[in-house]
Protein backbone atom coordinates (compact mmCIF):
# COMPACT_ATOMS: atom_id res chain seq x y z
CA MET A 1 82.63 59.62 160.62
CA GLN A 2 82.30 56.11 159.19
CA GLU A 3 83.41 55.16 155.71
CA SER A 4 80.69 53.73 153.50
CA ASP A 5 80.62 50.00 152.83
CA LEU A 6 79.66 50.66 149.20
CA VAL A 7 81.91 51.52 146.26
CA LEU A 8 81.51 51.80 142.51
CA LEU A 9 83.71 49.52 140.39
CA ASP A 10 83.54 49.77 136.59
CA GLY A 11 80.05 51.23 136.77
CA GLU A 12 78.61 48.74 139.28
CA ILE A 13 77.73 49.46 142.92
CA LEU A 14 79.29 46.81 145.15
CA SER A 15 80.20 46.25 148.77
CA ARG A 16 83.86 46.75 149.64
CA GLU A 17 84.16 42.98 150.12
CA GLU A 18 82.72 42.27 146.66
CA ALA A 19 84.81 44.88 144.86
CA ALA A 20 87.72 42.62 143.91
CA ARG A 21 90.40 44.17 141.68
CA ASP A 22 92.92 42.28 139.58
CA ILE A 23 96.31 42.19 141.35
CA PHE A 24 97.84 43.10 137.97
CA ASP A 25 95.85 46.33 137.70
CA ARG A 26 98.44 48.89 136.61
CA GLY A 27 97.23 51.38 139.18
CA GLY A 28 98.52 49.14 141.97
CA CYS A 29 101.60 47.87 140.15
CA PHE A 30 102.88 51.12 138.61
CA GLY A 31 100.70 53.98 139.84
CA ASP A 32 99.48 54.10 136.23
CA GLY A 33 96.30 56.06 136.64
CA VAL A 34 94.71 59.42 137.44
CA CYS A 35 92.18 60.63 139.96
CA ALA A 36 89.82 63.39 141.07
CA LEU A 37 88.35 64.41 144.43
CA THR A 38 84.95 66.09 144.35
CA PRO A 39 83.31 67.68 147.42
CA VAL A 40 79.70 66.88 148.28
CA TYR A 41 77.35 69.18 150.18
CA ASN A 42 73.75 68.38 151.08
CA GLY A 43 73.92 65.24 148.94
CA ARG A 44 75.05 67.09 145.81
CA CYS A 45 78.45 67.26 144.14
CA PHE A 46 79.92 70.74 143.99
CA ALA A 47 81.54 71.85 140.71
CA LEU A 48 81.26 68.29 139.39
CA LEU A 49 81.68 69.20 135.72
CA PRO A 50 84.92 71.18 136.29
CA HIS A 51 86.28 68.32 138.39
CA MET A 52 85.44 65.79 135.67
CA GLU A 53 86.84 68.05 132.94
CA GLN A 54 90.07 68.18 134.93
CA LEU A 55 89.98 64.38 135.22
CA PHE A 56 89.51 64.10 131.44
CA GLU A 57 92.55 66.34 130.90
CA SER A 58 94.67 64.03 133.03
CA VAL A 59 93.34 60.94 131.24
CA ILE A 60 94.26 62.45 127.89
CA ALA A 61 97.70 63.54 129.15
CA VAL A 62 98.67 59.98 130.13
CA LYS A 63 97.05 58.45 127.02
CA ILE A 64 94.46 56.28 128.74
CA PRO A 65 91.55 55.57 126.36
CA MET A 66 88.44 57.27 127.75
CA VAL A 67 85.61 54.76 127.52
CA TYR A 68 83.17 56.74 129.68
CA MET A 69 81.28 59.84 128.58
CA MET A 70 80.98 62.86 130.84
CA GLU A 71 77.28 62.11 131.33
CA GLU A 72 78.13 58.60 132.56
CA LEU A 73 80.61 59.88 135.14
CA VAL A 74 78.05 62.38 136.41
CA ASP A 75 75.50 59.56 136.66
CA PHE A 76 77.99 57.34 138.50
CA HIS A 77 78.47 60.05 141.12
CA GLU A 78 74.73 60.36 141.58
CA GLN A 79 74.32 56.57 141.79
CA LEU A 80 77.05 56.26 144.41
CA LEU A 81 75.62 59.05 146.58
CA ALA A 82 72.11 57.59 146.30
CA ALA A 83 73.37 54.13 147.27
CA THR A 84 75.47 55.30 150.22
CA GLY A 85 73.06 57.98 151.41
CA GLU A 86 76.04 60.28 152.03
CA LYS A 87 75.17 63.99 152.28
CA ASP A 88 78.48 65.64 153.19
CA CYS A 89 81.65 63.94 152.02
CA LEU A 90 84.15 63.76 149.17
CA VAL A 91 83.94 61.44 146.18
CA TYR A 92 87.21 59.91 145.02
CA THR A 93 87.32 58.85 141.37
CA GLN A 94 90.20 56.81 139.98
CA ILE A 95 90.81 55.70 136.40
CA THR A 96 93.70 53.33 135.69
CA ARG A 97 95.05 51.81 132.49
CA GLY A 98 93.53 48.55 133.63
CA SER A 99 95.18 45.14 133.91
CA GLY A 100 97.86 43.58 131.76
CA PRO A 101 101.21 41.79 131.81
CA PHE A 102 103.76 43.04 134.34
CA ASP A 103 105.47 45.29 131.81
CA LEU A 104 105.97 49.04 131.82
CA ALA A 105 104.83 49.30 128.19
CA PHE A 106 101.10 49.82 127.60
CA PRO A 107 99.13 46.55 127.41
CA GLU A 108 97.23 45.64 124.26
CA PRO A 109 94.33 46.06 124.32
CA VAL A 110 93.91 48.72 127.00
CA ILE A 111 90.74 48.28 129.06
CA PRO A 112 90.65 51.11 131.64
CA GLY A 113 89.50 50.48 135.19
CA LEU A 114 87.15 52.82 137.07
CA PHE A 115 86.93 52.90 140.84
CA MET A 116 84.93 55.34 143.01
CA PHE A 117 84.15 55.67 146.70
CA THR A 118 83.06 58.29 149.22
CA VAL A 119 85.50 59.79 151.71
CA PRO A 120 84.17 61.05 155.06
CA VAL A 121 84.98 64.65 155.96
CA ASP A 122 84.45 66.32 159.33
CA ARG A 123 83.55 69.87 158.33
CA GLU A 124 82.67 70.79 161.91
CA ALA A 125 86.22 69.96 162.96
CA LEU A 126 87.56 72.03 160.05
CA ALA A 127 85.40 74.95 161.15
CA GLU A 128 86.82 74.71 164.67
CA ARG A 129 90.36 74.59 163.28
CA ARG A 130 89.75 77.78 161.29
CA LYS A 131 89.24 79.66 164.55
CA LYS A 132 92.89 79.21 165.51
CA GLY A 133 94.41 78.51 162.09
CA ALA A 134 96.69 75.77 160.80
CA ASN A 135 100.41 75.24 161.32
CA LEU A 136 102.54 73.93 158.45
CA VAL A 137 105.98 72.35 158.29
CA THR A 138 108.16 72.78 155.20
CA LYS A 139 109.42 69.79 153.25
CA GLU A 140 111.73 69.60 150.23
CA ASP A 141 109.64 69.01 147.09
CA MET A 142 111.04 65.88 145.44
CA ARG A 143 107.94 65.12 143.37
CA TRP A 144 107.97 64.58 139.61
CA GLN A 145 107.78 67.34 136.99
CA ARG A 146 104.15 66.88 135.82
CA LEU A 147 102.06 67.50 138.90
CA ASP A 148 99.39 69.14 136.75
CA ILE A 149 98.50 65.55 135.81
CA ASN A 150 96.57 64.35 138.84
CA ASN A 151 98.19 60.91 138.94
CA ILE A 152 97.48 58.38 141.67
CA ASP A 153 101.12 57.85 142.69
CA ARG A 154 101.32 60.08 145.77
CA LEU A 155 104.10 58.49 147.81
CA PRO A 156 105.99 61.81 148.31
CA GLU A 157 102.78 63.37 149.66
CA VAL A 158 102.21 60.35 151.90
CA LEU A 159 105.67 60.66 153.46
CA ALA A 160 105.38 64.44 153.82
CA LYS A 161 101.95 64.17 155.43
CA GLN A 162 103.24 61.62 157.91
CA GLU A 163 106.11 63.94 158.79
CA ALA A 164 103.52 66.65 159.44
CA VAL A 165 101.55 64.29 161.68
CA VAL A 166 104.67 63.40 163.67
CA SER A 167 105.43 67.13 163.98
CA ARG A 168 101.85 67.79 165.14
CA ALA A 169 101.30 70.06 162.15
CA PHE A 170 98.17 70.37 160.04
CA ASP A 171 100.04 69.66 156.80
CA ALA A 172 103.41 69.83 155.05
CA LEU A 173 104.28 72.68 152.69
CA PHE A 174 106.60 71.76 149.83
CA VAL A 175 109.68 73.82 148.94
CA ARG A 176 111.26 73.60 145.48
CA ASP A 177 114.46 75.51 144.70
CA GLY A 178 113.92 77.58 147.82
CA LYS A 179 110.38 78.61 146.82
CA LEU A 180 107.12 77.56 148.53
CA THR A 181 104.85 75.61 146.18
CA GLU A 182 101.83 73.89 147.81
CA THR A 183 100.89 71.51 150.60
CA THR A 184 100.19 67.81 150.21
CA GLU A 185 96.51 68.55 149.55
CA SER A 186 96.04 72.27 148.99
CA SER A 187 97.18 75.43 147.21
CA PHE A 188 99.08 77.94 149.36
CA PHE A 189 98.40 81.70 149.29
CA ILE A 190 99.63 84.69 151.23
CA TYR A 191 98.07 88.15 151.47
CA LYS A 192 100.63 90.94 151.52
CA ASP A 193 100.36 94.66 150.72
CA GLY A 194 96.78 94.22 149.49
CA ILE A 195 97.72 91.47 147.00
CA LEU A 196 97.25 87.70 146.99
CA TRP A 197 100.46 85.83 146.13
CA THR A 198 100.73 82.20 145.07
CA TYR A 199 103.04 79.86 143.17
CA PRO A 200 102.50 80.03 139.37
CA GLU A 201 100.06 77.56 137.91
CA GLY A 202 101.81 74.94 135.78
CA PRO A 203 103.45 71.51 135.85
CA LEU A 204 105.03 71.94 139.30
CA ILE A 205 101.77 72.13 141.27
CA ARG A 206 98.59 70.09 141.17
CA LYS A 207 95.45 71.38 139.54
CA ASN A 208 92.90 72.50 142.11
CA ILE A 209 89.31 73.49 141.36
CA THR A 210 89.07 75.55 144.58
CA ARG A 211 92.12 77.55 143.47
CA ARG A 212 90.48 78.03 140.07
CA LEU A 213 87.25 79.21 141.71
CA LEU A 214 89.24 81.71 143.77
CA LYS A 215 91.02 83.06 140.69
CA GLU A 216 88.01 83.21 138.39
CA ARG A 217 85.13 84.14 140.70
CA LEU A 218 85.87 84.85 144.35
CA ALA A 219 88.86 87.16 143.95
CA PRO A 220 87.24 89.30 141.23
CA ASP A 221 84.02 89.52 143.24
CA LEU A 222 85.96 90.75 146.27
CA GLY A 223 88.19 93.07 144.24
CA LEU A 224 91.35 91.08 145.00
CA GLN A 225 94.42 91.03 142.76
CA ILE A 226 96.31 87.73 142.45
CA VAL A 227 100.00 87.60 141.56
CA GLU A 228 101.32 84.18 140.51
CA ARG A 229 105.00 84.41 141.38
CA ALA A 230 107.33 82.15 143.34
CA PHE A 231 108.39 83.38 146.79
CA ASP A 232 110.39 82.03 149.72
CA LYS A 233 109.59 81.39 153.37
CA ASP A 234 111.03 84.69 154.57
CA PHE A 235 108.65 86.55 152.27
CA ALA A 236 105.71 84.41 153.43
CA VAL A 237 106.20 84.89 157.18
CA GLN A 238 106.11 88.67 156.69
CA ALA A 239 102.66 88.44 155.11
CA ASP A 240 99.56 90.01 156.61
CA GLU A 241 98.00 86.56 156.52
CA ALA A 242 98.19 83.20 154.75
CA PHE A 243 95.82 80.38 153.90
CA ILE A 244 95.48 77.11 152.02
CA CYS A 245 92.54 76.06 149.85
CA SER A 246 91.31 72.84 148.28
CA PRO A 247 88.14 70.74 147.91
CA ALA A 248 89.07 68.89 151.10
CA VAL A 249 89.81 71.84 153.45
CA GLU A 250 87.93 74.68 151.65
CA PHE A 251 89.71 77.84 152.94
CA MET A 252 91.95 77.37 155.97
CA PRO A 253 93.99 80.20 157.55
CA VAL A 254 97.67 79.43 158.17
CA THR A 255 99.09 81.01 161.33
CA LYS A 256 102.46 79.27 161.71
CA LEU A 257 105.14 78.12 159.27
CA ASP A 258 107.73 75.88 160.87
CA ARG A 259 108.66 77.92 163.98
CA ALA A 260 107.64 81.33 162.61
CA PHE A 261 104.25 82.90 163.28
CA ILE A 262 102.26 84.68 160.57
CA ASN A 263 100.19 87.67 161.72
CA GLU A 264 101.29 86.99 165.32
CA GLY A 265 99.73 83.54 165.10
CA LYS A 266 96.20 84.83 164.55
CA PRO A 267 93.84 83.99 161.64
CA GLY A 268 93.32 87.03 159.41
CA PRO A 269 89.98 88.43 158.23
CA LEU A 270 90.54 87.69 154.54
CA ALA A 271 90.58 83.91 154.94
CA GLN A 272 87.31 84.13 156.86
CA LYS A 273 85.81 86.35 154.16
CA LEU A 274 86.90 83.92 151.42
CA GLN A 275 85.49 80.95 153.34
CA GLN A 276 82.13 82.71 153.63
CA ALA A 277 82.15 83.69 149.95
CA TYR A 278 83.02 80.09 149.04
CA MET A 279 80.16 78.70 151.12
CA ASP A 280 77.74 81.20 149.61
CA PHE A 281 78.83 79.94 146.20
CA VAL A 282 78.51 76.29 147.29
CA LEU A 283 74.99 76.72 148.67
CA LYS A 284 73.78 78.24 145.42
CA GLU A 285 74.74 75.02 143.63
CA CYS A 286 74.12 72.60 146.50
CA PRO A 287 71.26 74.01 148.57
CA SER A 288 69.98 72.11 151.55
CA GLN A 289 66.68 70.32 151.21
CA HIS A 290 65.01 73.08 153.19
CA GLU A 291 66.52 75.84 151.01
CA ALA A 292 65.79 73.97 147.78
C-alpha cells in the first residue's frame, strides 16, 4: 500500500515536499510533543472523539497550550481523508510545543505545531496472520515512567521492534520487574480459567482506545471478567490463549512467546470472537457506502 503524498501541517493540506518544518521544532530536537493514531474504515474515523480526548489529556499533561478546538481536529481529519481519498488506513496526529531556541526550558511564547498524515495498513495481511497467530519476543522495559502520556519519543519501541524484526517475530513484548506489560504497539491480554488478565492501567503502559473499548463494551457484552494484575511469562504461557489489541492490529491472537507455545501454538476461539465483536462495533460507526 502506498503512502499518500498529502499531509496536513498547521491546518493546511500540503504535499510532502511542501510541508517544510522548522529544524528547531521541539518535536525533532527533544521529542517534546504528543500524538494519537486513529483507525479509518470505509473513509470514516473510528472512535475519533475518544482518540482526540486522549490526545487532549496528553497535551494537558505536558503543558502544551491547546490552540485547536475538538471540532477543528475532527474537521482536520475529515479534510485530510477527503484530500487523500484514503478509505482504510490510520491517521497519525502529532502536536509539538513548536519551535524555539535550542533550550530545554519552554520557549516564550509557545506556538504549538500540528502535523497529520495517513498511514497505510494492510488489513488483509492482518486477517491472514490471525489464522496462525503472532509470535512475540520479550524485551526488558527501559521506557520512562509516564507512558500514559502518549509522547512522540519512541526510541525504546523503535529498538525493540527492530529486535523483533531481526528475530522474525511479529512484535516485542516488554517486561518490567519480571512482569509482562505491553508490546511496542498493543496491549497484551491472556485468557486463563475463564478470566481475561492484563497489566494494570496506569503510568507504566500506554493508553489504548481498543483496550478501553474491550473493557467498557466488548467484555461486558460477552460476559467476560477482566482482572488487571501484573503477571510473569510463566503464568502467560500456561494460559488458554493470549492476544494483543490496538488501533493498528485490532485483535491479534498470540501463539508463541519467545520459545514457548501458548495453546499448543494454535489461535484460540476467544480472540476470533473479540475480533468479530470489534468489527461489528466498527461497522456500526463506519458503515460501508453500500451499508450506509
